[in-house]
PDB file of N, CA and C in Angstrom:
ATOM      1  N   MET A   1     116.933 105.062 104.562  1.00  0.00           N
ATOM      2  CA  MET A   1     116.147 103.874 104.751  1.00  0.00           C
ATOM      3  C   MET A   1     116.576 102.828 103.729  1.00  0.00           C
ATOM      4  N   LYS A   2     116.580 101.582 104.152  1.00  0.00           N
ATOM      5  CA  LYS A   2     116.940 100.479 103.270  1.00  0.00           C
ATOM      6  C   LYS A   2     115.687  99.685 102.911  1.00  0.00           C
ATOM      7  N   ILE A   3     115.696  99.156 101.716  1.00  0.00           N
ATOM      8  CA  ILE A   3     114.598  98.297 101.297  1.00  0.00           C
ATOM      9  C   ILE A   3     115.172  96.912 101.079  1.00  0.00           C
ATOM     10  N   ASN A   4     114.536  95.928 101.684  1.00  0.00           N
ATOM     11  CA  ASN A   4     114.969  94.552 101.570  1.00  0.00           C
ATOM     12  C   ASN A   4     113.885  93.774 100.846  1.00  0.00           C
ATOM     13  N   LYS A   5     114.147  93.447  99.594  1.00  0.00           N
ATOM     14  CA  LYS A   5     113.183  92.693  98.793  1.00  0.00           C
ATOM     15  C   LYS A   5     111.820  93.372  98.764  1.00  0.00           C
ATOM     16  N   ASN A   6     111.823  94.698  98.566  1.00  0.00           N
ATOM     17  CA  ASN A   6     110.615  95.501  98.404  1.00  0.00           C
ATOM     18  C   ASN A   6     109.847  95.762  99.688  1.00  0.00           C
ATOM     19  N   ILE A   7     110.367  95.389 100.834  1.00  0.00           N
ATOM     20  CA  ILE A   7     109.673  95.656 102.089  1.00  0.00           C
ATOM     21  C   ILE A   7     110.450  96.706 102.860  1.00  0.00           C
ATOM     22  N   PRO A   8     109.816  97.849 103.165  1.00  0.00           N
ATOM     23  CA  PRO A   8     110.518  98.899 103.902  1.00  0.00           C
ATOM     24  C   PRO A   8     110.760  98.472 105.350  1.00  0.00           C
ATOM     25  N   LEU A   9     111.878  98.897 105.915  1.00  0.00           N
ATOM     26  CA  LEU A   9     112.219  98.498 107.270  1.00  0.00           C
ATOM     27  C   LEU A   9     112.623  99.675 108.155  1.00  0.00           C
ATOM     28  N   PRO A  10     111.818 100.717 108.261  1.00  0.00           N
ATOM     29  CA  PRO A  10     112.178 101.857 109.109  1.00  0.00           C
ATOM     30  C   PRO A  10     111.635 101.700 110.530  1.00  0.00           C
ATOM     31  N   ARG A  11     112.044 100.677 111.237  1.00  0.00           N
ATOM     32  CA  ARG A  11     111.490 100.363 112.548  1.00  0.00           C
ATOM     33  C   ARG A  11     111.976 101.298 113.659  1.00  0.00           C
ATOM     34  N   ASP A  12     112.970 102.139 113.378  1.00  0.00           N
ATOM     35  CA  ASP A  12     113.580 102.943 114.422  1.00  0.00           C
ATOM     36  C   ASP A  12     112.831 104.236 114.724  1.00  0.00           C
ATOM     37  N   ARG A  13     111.867 104.624 113.934  1.00  0.00           N
ATOM     38  CA  ARG A  13     111.212 105.919 114.092  1.00  0.00           C
ATOM     39  C   ARG A  13     110.070 105.936 115.089  1.00  0.00           C
ATOM     40  N   TYR A  14     109.394 104.847 115.248  1.00  0.00           N
ATOM     41  CA  TYR A  14     108.168 104.850 116.028  1.00  0.00           C
ATOM     42  C   TYR A  14     107.997 103.500 116.695  1.00  0.00           C
ATOM     43  N   LYS A  15     107.649 103.528 117.950  1.00  0.00           N
ATOM     44  CA  LYS A  15     107.373 102.295 118.682  1.00  0.00           C
ATOM     45  C   LYS A  15     105.906 102.300 119.086  1.00  0.00           C
ATOM     46  N   HIS A  16     105.195 101.300 118.639  1.00  0.00           N
ATOM     47  CA  HIS A  16     103.766 101.178 118.938  1.00  0.00           C
ATOM     48  C   HIS A  16     103.561 100.838 120.407  1.00  0.00           C
ATOM     49  N   ASN A  17     102.650 101.552 121.030  1.00  0.00           N
ATOM     50  CA  ASN A  17     102.264 101.287 122.414  1.00  0.00           C
ATOM     51  C   ASN A  17     100.909 100.586 122.371  1.00  0.00           C
ATOM     52  N   LYS A  18     100.807  99.427 122.969  1.00  0.00           N
ATOM     53  CA  LYS A  18      99.565  98.634 122.911  1.00  0.00           C
ATOM     54  C   LYS A  18      98.365  99.380 123.505  1.00  0.00           C
ATOM     55  N   ASN A  19      98.614 100.362 124.369  1.00  0.00           N
ATOM     56  CA  ASN A  19      97.524 101.087 125.017  1.00  0.00           C
ATOM     57  C   ASN A  19      97.049 102.312 124.240  1.00  0.00           C
ATOM     58  N   GLU A  20      97.728 102.668 123.164  1.00  0.00           N
ATOM     59  CA  GLU A  20      97.329 103.872 122.432  1.00  0.00           C
ATOM     60  C   GLU A  20      96.186 103.584 121.475  1.00  0.00           C
ATOM     61  N   LEU A  21      95.490 104.633 121.112  1.00  0.00           N
ATOM     62  CA  LEU A  21      94.362 104.544 120.205  1.00  0.00           C
ATOM     63  C   LEU A  21      94.828 104.034 118.846  1.00  0.00           C
ATOM     64  N   TYR A  22      94.107 103.054 118.291  1.00  0.00           N
ATOM     65  CA  TYR A  22      94.459 102.459 117.007  1.00  0.00           C
ATOM     66  C   TYR A  22      94.326 103.496 115.890  1.00  0.00           C
ATOM     67  N   MET A  23      95.318 103.597 115.071  1.00  0.00           N
ATOM     68  CA  MET A  23      95.412 104.505 113.928  1.00  0.00           C
ATOM     69  C   MET A  23      95.203 105.966 114.331  1.00  0.00           C
ATOM     70  N   ASN A  24      95.885 106.347 115.409  1.00  0.00           N
ATOM     71  CA  ASN A  24      95.890 107.746 115.805  1.00  0.00           C
ATOM     72  C   ASN A  24      96.775 108.537 114.846  1.00  0.00           C
ATOM     73  N   SER A  25      96.833 109.846 115.018  1.00  0.00           N
ATOM     74  CA  SER A  25      97.557 110.686 114.063  1.00  0.00           C
ATOM     75  C   SER A  25      99.051 110.373 114.008  1.00  0.00           C
ATOM     76  N   VAL A  26      99.644 110.015 115.139  1.00  0.00           N
ATOM     77  CA  VAL A  26     101.077 109.661 115.150  1.00  0.00           C
ATOM     78  C   VAL A  26     101.305 108.374 114.369  1.00  0.00           C
ATOM     79  N   MET A  27     100.434 107.405 114.584  1.00  0.00           N
ATOM     80  CA  MET A  27     100.548 106.125 113.884  1.00  0.00           C
ATOM     81  C   MET A  27     100.345 106.312 112.377  1.00  0.00           C
ATOM     82  N   LEU A  28      99.335 107.091 112.007  1.00  0.00           N
ATOM     83  CA  LEU A  28      99.092 107.343 110.582  1.00  0.00           C
ATOM     84  C   LEU A  28     100.275 108.065 109.942  1.00  0.00           C
ATOM     85  N   SER A  29     100.831 109.016 110.663  1.00  0.00           N
ATOM     86  CA  SER A  29     102.006 109.736 110.164  1.00  0.00           C
ATOM     87  C   SER A  29     103.187 108.784 109.983  1.00  0.00           C
ATOM     88  N   HIS A  30     103.358 107.872 110.920  1.00  0.00           N
ATOM     89  CA  HIS A  30     104.428 106.867 110.840  1.00  0.00           C
ATOM     90  C   HIS A  30     104.289 106.035 109.562  1.00  0.00           C
ATOM     91  N   PHE A  31     103.104 105.520 109.323  1.00  0.00           N
ATOM     92  CA  PHE A  31     102.904 104.684 108.136  1.00  0.00           C
ATOM     93  C   PHE A  31     102.984 105.496 106.846  1.00  0.00           C
ATOM     94  N   LYS A  32     102.533 106.736 106.882  1.00  0.00           N
ATOM     95  CA  LYS A  32     102.646 107.584 105.691  1.00  0.00           C
ATOM     96  C   LYS A  32     104.113 107.838 105.362  1.00  0.00           C
ATOM     97  N   THR A  33     104.936 108.030 106.387  1.00  0.00           N
ATOM     98  CA  THR A  33     106.383 108.219 106.169  1.00  0.00           C
ATOM     99  C   THR A  33     107.004 106.960 105.579  1.00  0.00           C
ATOM    100  N   ILE A  34     106.639 105.805 106.113  1.00  0.00           N
ATOM    101  CA  ILE A  34     107.143 104.535 105.573  1.00  0.00           C
ATOM    102  C   ILE A  34     106.812 104.435 104.085  1.00  0.00           C
ATOM    103  N   LEU A  35     105.554 104.677 103.753  1.00  0.00           N
ATOM    104  CA  LEU A  35     105.100 104.533 102.370  1.00  0.00           C
ATOM    105  C   LEU A  35     105.736 105.561 101.439  1.00  0.00           C
ATOM    106  N   THR A  36     105.837 106.792 101.896  1.00  0.00           N
ATOM    107  CA  THR A  36     106.442 107.849 101.075  1.00  0.00           C
ATOM    108  C   THR A  36     107.919 107.564 100.830  1.00  0.00           C
ATOM    109  N   ASP A  37     108.644 107.161 101.876  1.00  0.00           N
ATOM    110  CA  ASP A  37     110.059 106.824 101.722  1.00  0.00           C
ATOM    111  C   ASP A  37     110.248 105.634 100.786  1.00  0.00           C
ATOM    112  N   TRP A  38     109.379 104.641 100.925  1.00  0.00           N
ATOM    113  CA  TRP A  38     109.449 103.453 100.076  1.00  0.00           C
ATOM    114  C   TRP A  38     109.253 103.843  98.614  1.00  0.00           C
ATOM    115  N   LYS A  39     108.274 104.692  98.344  1.00  0.00           N
ATOM    116  CA  LYS A  39     108.013 105.129  96.970  1.00  0.00           C
ATOM    117  C   LYS A  39     109.218 105.895  96.408  1.00  0.00           C
ATOM    118  N   GLU A  40     109.793 106.791  97.210  1.00  0.00           N
ATOM    119  CA  GLU A  40     110.975 107.537  96.765  1.00  0.00           C
ATOM    120  C   GLU A  40     112.135 106.595  96.465  1.00  0.00           C
ATOM    121  N   ASP A  41     112.324 105.575  97.296  1.00  0.00           N
ATOM    122  CA  ASP A  41     113.395 104.606  97.057  1.00  0.00           C
ATOM    123  C   ASP A  41     113.170 103.823  95.769  1.00  0.00           C
ATOM    124  N   LEU A  42     111.922 103.472  95.488  1.00  0.00           N
ATOM    125  CA  LEU A  42     111.616 102.768  94.235  1.00  0.00           C
ATOM    126  C   LEU A  42     111.944 103.624  93.021  1.00  0.00           C
ATOM    127  N   VAL A  43     111.624 104.908  93.093  1.00  0.00           N
ATOM    128  CA  VAL A  43     111.918 105.824  91.988  1.00  0.00           C
ATOM    129  C   VAL A  43     113.427 105.941  91.793  1.00  0.00           C
ATOM    130  N   LYS A  44     114.177 106.097  92.895  1.00  0.00           N
ATOM    131  CA  LYS A  44     115.639 106.204  92.808  1.00  0.00           C
ATOM    132  C   LYS A  44     116.248 104.920  92.244  1.00  0.00           C
ATOM    133  N   GLU A  45     115.778 103.781  92.725  1.00  0.00           N
ATOM    134  CA  GLU A  45     116.291 102.493  92.258  1.00  0.00           C
ATOM    135  C   GLU A  45     116.048 102.320  90.768  1.00  0.00           C
ATOM    136  N   SER A  46     114.865 102.692  90.321  1.00  0.00           N
ATOM    137  CA  SER A  46     114.520 102.598  88.907  1.00  0.00           C
ATOM    138  C   SER A  46     115.425 103.493  88.066  1.00  0.00           C
ATOM    139  N   SER A  47     115.681 104.680  88.542  1.00  0.00           N
ATOM    140  CA  SER A  47     116.550 105.623  87.841  1.00  0.00           C
ATOM    141  C   SER A  47     117.977 105.094  87.760  1.00  0.00           C
ATOM    142  N   ASN A  48     118.465 104.509  88.850  1.00  0.00           N
ATOM    143  CA  ASN A  48     119.826 103.947  88.867  1.00  0.00           C
ATOM    144  C   ASN A  48     119.969 102.800  87.875  1.00  0.00           C
ATOM    145  N   ILE A  49     118.968 101.941  87.794  1.00  0.00           N
ATOM    146  CA  ILE A  49     119.015 100.822  86.850  1.00  0.00           C
ATOM    147  C   ILE A  49     119.028 101.348  85.426  1.00  0.00           C
ATOM    148  N   GLN A  50     118.179 102.316  85.157  1.00  0.00           N
ATOM    149  CA  GLN A  50     118.112 102.890  83.811  1.00  0.00           C
ATOM    150  C   GLN A  50     119.439 103.536  83.426  1.00  0.00           C
ATOM    151  N   ASN A  51     120.052 104.270  84.347  1.00  0.00           N
ATOM    152  CA  ASN A  51     121.342 104.906  84.072  1.00  0.00           C
ATOM    153  C   ASN A  51     122.427 103.866  83.804  1.00  0.00           C
ATOM    154  N   SER A  52     122.410 102.764  84.541  1.00  0.00           N
ATOM    155  CA  SER A  52     123.410 101.706  84.337  1.00  0.00           C
ATOM    156  C   SER A  52     123.280 101.088  82.955  1.00  0.00           C
ATOM    157  N   ILE A  53     122.056 100.833  82.547  1.00  0.00           N
ATOM    158  CA  ILE A  53     121.839 100.229  81.228  1.00  0.00           C
ATOM    159  C   ILE A  53     122.190 101.210  80.118  1.00  0.00           C
ATOM    160  N   GLU A  54     121.856 102.477  80.302  1.00  0.00           N
ATOM    161  CA  GLU A  54     122.192 103.481  79.296  1.00  0.00           C
ATOM    162  C   GLU A  54     123.704 103.613  79.126  1.00  0.00           C
ATOM    163  N   SER A  55     124.470 103.435  80.199  1.00  0.00           N
ATOM    164  CA  SER A  55     125.927 103.529  80.084  1.00  0.00           C
ATOM    165  C   SER A  55     126.489 102.380  79.251  1.00  0.00           C
ATOM    166  N   LEU A  56     125.808 101.237  79.250  1.00  0.00           N
ATOM    167  CA  LEU A  56     126.273 100.101  78.453  1.00  0.00           C
ATOM    168  C   LEU A  56     125.957 100.272  76.969  1.00  0.00           C
ATOM    169  N   THR A  57     124.834 100.917  76.672  1.00  0.00           N
ATOM    170  CA  THR A  57     124.403 100.997  75.281  1.00  0.00           C
ATOM    171  C   THR A  57     125.135 102.070  74.486  1.00  0.00           C
ATOM    172  N   GLY A  58     125.955 102.880  75.121  1.00  0.00           N
ATOM    173  CA  GLY A  58     126.680 103.927  74.412  1.00  0.00           C
ATOM    174  C   GLY A  58     127.898 103.418  73.658  1.00  0.00           C
ATOM    175  N   LYS A  59     128.345 102.207  73.943  1.00  0.00           N
ATOM    176  CA  LYS A  59     129.523 101.631  73.299  1.00  0.00           C
ATOM    177  C   LYS A  59     129.114 100.877  72.036  1.00  0.00           C
ATOM    178  N   GLN A  60     130.086 100.624  71.162  1.00  0.00           N
ATOM    179  CA  GLN A  60     129.836  99.828  69.969  1.00  0.00           C
ATOM    180  C   GLN A  60     129.755  98.353  70.372  1.00  0.00           C
ATOM    181  N   PRO A  61     128.547  97.790  70.402  1.00  0.00           N
ATOM    182  CA  PRO A  61     128.416  96.407  70.864  1.00  0.00           C
ATOM    183  C   PRO A  61     128.691  95.389  69.761  1.00  0.00           C
ATOM    184  N   ASP A  62     129.233  94.247  70.198  1.00  0.00           N
ATOM    185  CA  ASP A  62     129.317  93.116  69.277  1.00  0.00           C
ATOM    186  C   ASP A  62     128.062  92.265  69.488  1.00  0.00           C
ATOM    187  N   SER A  63     127.986  91.117  68.834  1.00  0.00           N
ATOM    188  CA  SER A  63     126.752  90.317  68.904  1.00  0.00           C
ATOM    189  C   SER A  63     126.479  89.809  70.320  1.00  0.00           C
ATOM    190  N   ILE A  64     127.511  89.484  71.069  1.00  0.00           N
ATOM    191  CA  ILE A  64     127.316  89.035  72.448  1.00  0.00           C
ATOM    192  C   ILE A  64     126.818  90.194  73.306  1.00  0.00           C
ATOM    193  N   ASP A  65     127.437  91.361  73.127  1.00  0.00           N
ATOM    194  CA  ASP A  65     126.993  92.539  73.874  1.00  0.00           C
ATOM    195  C   ASP A  65     125.535  92.884  73.553  1.00  0.00           C
ATOM    196  N   LEU A  66     125.157  92.734  72.289  1.00  0.00           N
ATOM    197  CA  LEU A  66     123.770  93.021  71.912  1.00  0.00           C
ATOM    198  C   LEU A  66     122.796  92.102  72.657  1.00  0.00           C
ATOM    199  N   GLY A  67     123.165  90.847  72.796  1.00  0.00           N
ATOM    200  CA  GLY A  67     122.328  89.896  73.538  1.00  0.00           C
ATOM    201  C   GLY A  67     122.220  90.276  75.004  1.00  0.00           C
ATOM    202  N   ILE A  68     123.339  90.668  75.588  1.00  0.00           N
ATOM    203  CA  ILE A  68     123.346  91.085  76.995  1.00  0.00           C
ATOM    204  C   ILE A  68     122.501  92.349  77.171  1.00  0.00           C
ATOM    205  N   ILE A  69     122.672  93.304  76.256  1.00  0.00           N
ATOM    206  CA  ILE A  69     121.913  94.556  76.334  1.00  0.00           C
ATOM    207  C   ILE A  69     120.417  94.274  76.213  1.00  0.00           C
ATOM    208  N   GLU A  70     120.056  93.389  75.302  1.00  0.00           N
ATOM    209  CA  GLU A  70     118.646  93.031  75.135  1.00  0.00           C
ATOM    210  C   GLU A  70     118.094  92.393  76.410  1.00  0.00           C
ATOM    211  N   GLU A  71     118.871  91.509  77.011  1.00  0.00           N
ATOM    212  CA  GLU A  71     118.449  90.873  78.265  1.00  0.00           C
ATOM    213  C   GLU A  71     118.318  91.910  79.384  1.00  0.00           C
ATOM    214  N   LEU A  72     119.237  92.856  79.447  1.00  0.00           N
ATOM    215  CA  LEU A  72     119.167  93.913  80.460  1.00  0.00           C
ATOM    216  C   LEU A  72     117.944  94.795  80.262  1.00  0.00           C
ATOM    217  N   HIS A  73     117.593  95.073  79.007  1.00  0.00           N
ATOM    218  CA  HIS A  73     116.380  95.857  78.743  1.00  0.00           C
ATOM    219  C   HIS A  73     115.128  95.089  79.188  1.00  0.00           C
ATOM    220  N   THR A  74     115.133  93.780  79.003  1.00  0.00           N
ATOM    221  CA  THR A  74     114.007  92.964  79.459  1.00  0.00           C
ATOM    222  C   THR A  74     113.901  93.018  80.977  1.00  0.00           C
ATOM    223  N   ILE A  75     115.029  92.884  81.645  1.00  0.00           N
ATOM    224  CA  ILE A  75     115.044  92.953  83.109  1.00  0.00           C
ATOM    225  C   ILE A  75     114.592  94.334  83.576  1.00  0.00           C
ATOM    226  N   GLU A  76     115.093  95.377  82.913  1.00  0.00           N
ATOM    227  CA  GLU A  76     114.688  96.747  83.260  1.00  0.00           C
ATOM    228  C   GLU A  76     113.178  96.913  83.111  1.00  0.00           C
ATOM    229  N   TYR A  77     112.612  96.377  82.052  1.00  0.00           N
ATOM    230  CA  TYR A  77     111.168  96.463  81.834  1.00  0.00           C
ATOM    231  C   TYR A  77     110.404  95.760  82.951  1.00  0.00           C
ATOM    232  N   LEU A  78     110.849  94.559  83.316  1.00  0.00           N
ATOM    233  CA  LEU A  78     110.164  93.800  84.369  1.00  0.00           C
ATOM    234  C   LEU A  78     110.243  94.512  85.721  1.00  0.00           C
ATOM    235  N   ILE A  79     111.398  95.079  86.008  1.00  0.00           N
ATOM    236  CA  ILE A  79     111.556  95.827  87.265  1.00  0.00           C
ATOM    237  C   ILE A  79     110.672  97.065  87.251  1.00  0.00           C
ATOM    238  N   ALA A  80     110.652  97.767  86.133  1.00  0.00           N
ATOM    239  CA  ALA A  80     109.818  98.976  86.023  1.00  0.00           C
ATOM    240  C   ALA A  80     108.342  98.622  86.174  1.00  0.00           C
ATOM    241  N   LYS A  81     107.928  97.512  85.593  1.00  0.00           N
ATOM    242  CA  LYS A  81     106.538  97.071  85.691  1.00  0.00           C
ATOM    243  C   LYS A  81     106.189  96.732  87.135  1.00  0.00           C
ATOM    244  N   ARG A  82     107.077  96.020  87.816  1.00  0.00           N
ATOM    245  CA  ARG A  82     106.867  95.673  89.224  1.00  0.00           C
ATOM    246  C   ARG A  82     106.816  96.939  90.075  1.00  0.00           C
ATOM    247  N   ASP A  83     107.771  97.844  89.857  1.00  0.00           N
ATOM    248  CA  ASP A  83     107.838  99.074  90.647  1.00  0.00           C
ATOM    249  C   ASP A  83     106.620  99.958  90.413  1.00  0.00           C
ATOM    250  N   LEU A  84     106.128 100.005  89.191  1.00  0.00           N
ATOM    251  CA  LEU A  84     104.929 100.786  88.904  1.00  0.00           C
ATOM    252  C   LEU A  84     103.744 100.232  89.686  1.00  0.00           C
ATOM    253  N   GLY A  85     103.613  98.919  89.693  1.00  0.00           N
ATOM    254  CA  GLY A  85     102.538  98.294  90.465  1.00  0.00           C
ATOM    255  C   GLY A  85     102.652  98.617  91.948  1.00  0.00           C
ATOM    256  N   LEU A  86     103.873  98.558  92.480  1.00  0.00           N
ATOM    257  CA  LEU A  86     104.081  98.899  93.885  1.00  0.00           C
ATOM    258  C   LEU A  86     103.767 100.368  94.155  1.00  0.00           C
ATOM    259  N   ARG A  87     104.203 101.254  93.251  1.00  0.00           N
ATOM    260  CA  ARG A  87     103.940 102.684  93.447  1.00  0.00           C
ATOM    261  C   ARG A  87     102.442 102.969  93.419  1.00  0.00           C
ATOM    262  N   ILE A  88     101.701 102.278  92.570  1.00  0.00           N
ATOM    263  CA  ILE A  88     100.244 102.441  92.530  1.00  0.00           C
ATOM    264  C   ILE A  88      99.637 101.992  93.856  1.00  0.00           C
ATOM    265  N   GLU A  89     100.084 100.833  94.364  1.00  0.00           N
ATOM    266  CA  GLU A  89      99.565 100.337  95.645  1.00  0.00           C
ATOM    267  C   GLU A  89      99.961 101.262  96.798  1.00  0.00           C
ATOM    268  N   ILE A  90     101.152 101.824  96.743  1.00  0.00           N
ATOM    269  CA  ILE A  90     101.585 102.780  97.767  1.00  0.00           C
ATOM    270  C   ILE A  90     100.695 104.018  97.731  1.00  0.00           C
ATOM    271  N   ASP A  91     100.408 104.525  96.539  1.00  0.00           N
ATOM    272  CA  ASP A  91      99.528 105.691  96.412  1.00  0.00           C
ATOM    273  C   ASP A  91      98.136 105.387  96.976  1.00  0.00           C
ATOM    274  N   LYS A  92      97.628 104.183  96.722  1.00  0.00           N
ATOM    275  CA  LYS A  92      96.324 103.796  97.268  1.00  0.00           C
ATOM    276  C   LYS A  92      96.371 103.773  98.800  1.00  0.00           C
ATOM    277  N   ALA A  93      97.466 103.235  99.350  1.00  0.00           N
ATOM    278  CA  ALA A  93      97.604 103.186 100.813  1.00  0.00           C
ATOM    279  C   ALA A  93      97.681 104.599 101.399  1.00  0.00           C
ATOM    280  N   ILE A  94      98.416 105.485 100.735  1.00  0.00           N
ATOM    281  CA  ILE A  94      98.502 106.876 101.207  1.00  0.00           C
ATOM    282  C   ILE A  94      97.126 107.540 101.142  1.00  0.00           C
ATOM    283  N   ASN A  95      96.357 107.248 100.119  1.00  0.00           N
ATOM    284  CA  ASN A  95      94.982 107.780 100.032  1.00  0.00           C
ATOM    285  C   ASN A  95      94.119 107.248 101.174  1.00  0.00           C
ATOM    286  N   ARG A  96      94.312 105.960 101.536  1.00  0.00           N
ATOM    287  CA  ARG A  96      93.554 105.402 102.664  1.00  0.00           C
ATOM    288  C   ARG A  96      93.953 106.098 103.971  1.00  0.00           C
ATOM    289  N   ILE A  97      95.237 106.440 104.096  1.00  0.00           N
ATOM    290  CA  ILE A  97      95.675 107.189 105.279  1.00  0.00           C
ATOM    291  C   ILE A  97      94.987 108.545 105.302  1.00  0.00           C
ATOM    292  N   ASP A  98      94.985 109.220 104.173  1.00  0.00           N
ATOM    293  CA  ASP A  98      94.393 110.562 104.092  1.00  0.00           C
ATOM    294  C   ASP A  98      92.892 110.565 104.380  1.00  0.00           C
ATOM    295  N   ASN A  99      92.199 109.466 104.014  1.00  0.00           N
ATOM    296  CA  ASN A  99      90.748 109.431 104.287  1.00  0.00           C
ATOM    297  C   ASN A  99      90.424 108.587 105.530  1.00  0.00           C
ATOM    298  N   HIS A 100      91.440 108.263 106.317  1.00  0.00           N
ATOM    299  CA  HIS A 100      91.306 107.583 107.618  1.00  0.00           C
ATOM    300  C   HIS A 100      90.693 106.187 107.530  1.00  0.00           C
ATOM    301  N   SER A 101      90.879 105.508 106.421  1.00  0.00           N
ATOM    302  CA  SER A 101      90.430 104.118 106.332  1.00  0.00           C
ATOM    303  C   SER A 101      91.613 103.152 106.378  1.00  0.00           C
ATOM    304  N   TYR A 102      92.838 103.687 106.473  1.00  0.00           N
ATOM    305  CA  TYR A 102      94.046 102.847 106.530  1.00  0.00           C
ATOM    306  C   TYR A 102      94.046 102.054 107.838  1.00  0.00           C
ATOM    307  N   GLY A 103      94.458 100.809 107.738  1.00  0.00           N
ATOM    308  CA  GLY A 103      94.573  99.967 108.928  1.00  0.00           C
ATOM    309  C   GLY A 103      93.341  99.137 109.202  1.00  0.00           C
ATOM    310  N   TYR A 104      92.326  99.288 108.358  1.00  0.00           N
ATOM    311  CA  TYR A 104      91.091  98.533 108.534  1.00  0.00           C
ATOM    312  C   TYR A 104      90.853  97.661 107.300  1.00  0.00           C
ATOM    313  N   CYS A 105      90.383  96.451 107.532  1.00  0.00           N
ATOM    314  CA  CYS A 105      90.122  95.497 106.463  1.00  0.00           C
ATOM    315  C   CYS A 105      89.088  96.069 105.497  1.00  0.00           C
ATOM    316  N   GLU A 106      89.377  95.984 104.209  1.00  0.00           N
ATOM    317  CA  GLU A 106      88.449  96.498 103.201  1.00  0.00           C
ATOM    318  C   GLU A 106      87.158  95.686 103.146  1.00  0.00           C
ATOM    319  N   LYS A 107      87.209  94.419 103.564  1.00  0.00           N
ATOM    320  CA  LYS A 107      86.025  93.555 103.483  1.00  0.00           C
ATOM    321  C   LYS A 107      85.213  93.569 104.772  1.00  0.00           C
ATOM    322  N   THR A 108      85.891  93.427 105.914  1.00  0.00           N
ATOM    323  CA  THR A 108      85.184  93.270 107.188  1.00  0.00           C
ATOM    324  C   THR A 108      85.199  94.516 108.060  1.00  0.00           C
ATOM    325  N   LYS A 109      86.032  95.489 107.720  1.00  0.00           N
ATOM    326  CA  LYS A 109      86.220  96.725 108.493  1.00  0.00           C
ATOM    327  C   LYS A 109      86.867  96.482 109.861  1.00  0.00           C
ATOM    328  N   GLN A 110      87.385  95.272 110.080  1.00  0.00           N
ATOM    329  CA  GLN A 110      88.108  94.976 111.314  1.00  0.00           C
ATOM    330  C   GLN A 110      89.507  95.569 111.236  1.00  0.00           C
ATOM    331  N   LYS A 111      90.134  95.743 112.405  1.00  0.00           N
ATOM    332  CA  LYS A 111      91.504  96.242 112.458  1.00  0.00           C
ATOM    333  C   LYS A 111      92.437  95.216 111.819  1.00  0.00           C
ATOM    334  N   ILE A 112      93.313  95.698 110.952  1.00  0.00           N
ATOM    335  CA  ILE A 112      94.322  94.823 110.342  1.00  0.00           C
ATOM    336  C   ILE A 112      95.395  94.488 111.370  1.00  0.00           C
ATOM    337  N   GLY A 113      95.763  95.467 112.162  1.00  0.00           N
ATOM    338  CA  GLY A 113      96.773  95.260 113.199  1.00  0.00           C
ATOM    339  C   GLY A 113      98.086  95.925 112.838  1.00  0.00           C
ATOM    340  N   VAL A 114      98.689  96.542 113.836  1.00  0.00           N
ATOM    341  CA  VAL A 114      99.940  97.273 113.627  1.00  0.00           C
ATOM    342  C   VAL A 114     101.061  96.334 113.202  1.00  0.00           C
ATOM    343  N   ASP A 115     101.158  95.170 113.833  1.00  0.00           N
ATOM    344  CA  ASP A 115     102.244  94.244 113.484  1.00  0.00           C
ATOM    345  C   ASP A 115     102.157  93.812 112.029  1.00  0.00           C
ATOM    346  N   ARG A 116     100.955  93.534 111.551  1.00  0.00           N
ATOM    347  CA  ARG A 116     100.778  93.139 110.145  1.00  0.00           C
ATOM    348  C   ARG A 116     101.140  94.301 109.221  1.00  0.00           C
ATOM    349  N   LEU A 117     100.722  95.514 109.584  1.00  0.00           N
ATOM    350  CA  LEU A 117     101.039  96.681 108.754  1.00  0.00           C
ATOM    351  C   LEU A 117     102.528  97.001 108.789  1.00  0.00           C
ATOM    352  N   GLU A 118     103.186  96.761 109.903  1.00  0.00           N
ATOM    353  CA  GLU A 118     104.642  96.938 109.959  1.00  0.00           C
ATOM    354  C   GLU A 118     105.321  95.933 109.030  1.00  0.00           C
ATOM    355  N   ALA A 119     104.797  94.715 108.974  1.00  0.00           N
ATOM    356  CA  ALA A 119     105.380  93.693 108.099  1.00  0.00           C
ATOM    357  C   ALA A 119     105.089  93.977 106.631  1.00  0.00           C
ATOM    358  N   TRP A 120     103.885  94.438 106.331  1.00  0.00           N
ATOM    359  CA  TRP A 120     103.495  94.750 104.948  1.00  0.00           C
ATOM    360  C   TRP A 120     102.552  95.952 104.962  1.00  0.00           C
ATOM    361  N   PRO A 121     103.091  97.160 104.807  1.00  0.00           N
ATOM    362  CA  PRO A 121     102.291  98.384 104.909  1.00  0.00           C
ATOM    363  C   PRO A 121     101.190  98.519 103.862  1.00  0.00           C
ATOM    364  N   LEU A 122     101.190  97.668 102.851  1.00  0.00           N
ATOM    365  CA  LEU A 122     100.173  97.716 101.819  1.00  0.00           C
ATOM    366  C   LEU A 122      98.998  96.798 102.120  1.00  0.00           C
ATOM    367  N   ALA A 123      99.017  96.124 103.258  1.00  0.00           N
ATOM    368  CA  ALA A 123      97.960  95.176 103.608  1.00  0.00           C
ATOM    369  C   ALA A 123      96.597  95.853 103.606  1.00  0.00           C
ATOM    370  N   THR A 124      95.614  95.158 103.048  1.00  0.00           N
ATOM    371  CA  THR A 124      94.246  95.700 102.996  1.00  0.00           C
ATOM    372  C   THR A 124      93.239  94.753 103.632  1.00  0.00           C
ATOM    373  N   THR A 125      93.704  93.610 104.095  1.00  0.00           N
ATOM    374  CA  THR A 125      92.788  92.652 104.718  1.00  0.00           C
ATOM    375  C   THR A 125      93.349  92.190 106.057  1.00  0.00           C
ATOM    376  N   ALA A 126      92.425  91.916 106.962  1.00  0.00           N
ATOM    377  CA  ALA A 126      92.798  91.396 108.284  1.00  0.00           C
ATOM    378  C   ALA A 126      92.945  89.888 108.186  1.00  0.00           C
ATOM    379  N   ILE A 127      93.795  89.360 109.035  1.00  0.00           N
ATOM    380  CA  ILE A 127      93.929  87.919 109.140  1.00  0.00           C
ATOM    381  C   ILE A 127      93.115  87.486 110.343  1.00  0.00           C
ATOM    382  N   ILE A 128      92.115  86.694 110.101  1.00  0.00           N
ATOM    383  CA  ILE A 128      91.220  86.237 111.182  1.00  0.00           C
ATOM    384  C   ILE A 128      91.716  84.878 111.631  1.00  0.00           C
ATOM    385  N   THR A 129      91.971  84.788 112.945  1.00  0.00           N
ATOM    386  CA  THR A 129      92.466  83.507 113.482  1.00  0.00           C
ATOM    387  C   THR A 129      91.422  82.798 114.272  1.00  0.00           C
TER     388      THR A 129
END
């Protein structure tokens, strides 16, 4: 699975049928797979970034290299902070799937909608038009 700017795109596994029951077991399983895969990809991406930076810090740096290394550590920190926030939100979404409240607005209890959840699986509110 590929992640494009933090949004998972595994559209090939499941096709929503407009006539099927909203948030049935197949649909919940589909979204749980999306979220689990997304979380695993975030962990792998974080590990790859950390390994890349560690490979740079093993050499004897000059003053320019020290500045670059410091900037890379700042970027690594910001990415880790962002990824941690996403992983927390993913865990919350998986918990909502497990307790069968996923797909419903936290405020109004209305259906969020499959298309909205496909676009952003972490959505917790419905868009009322």
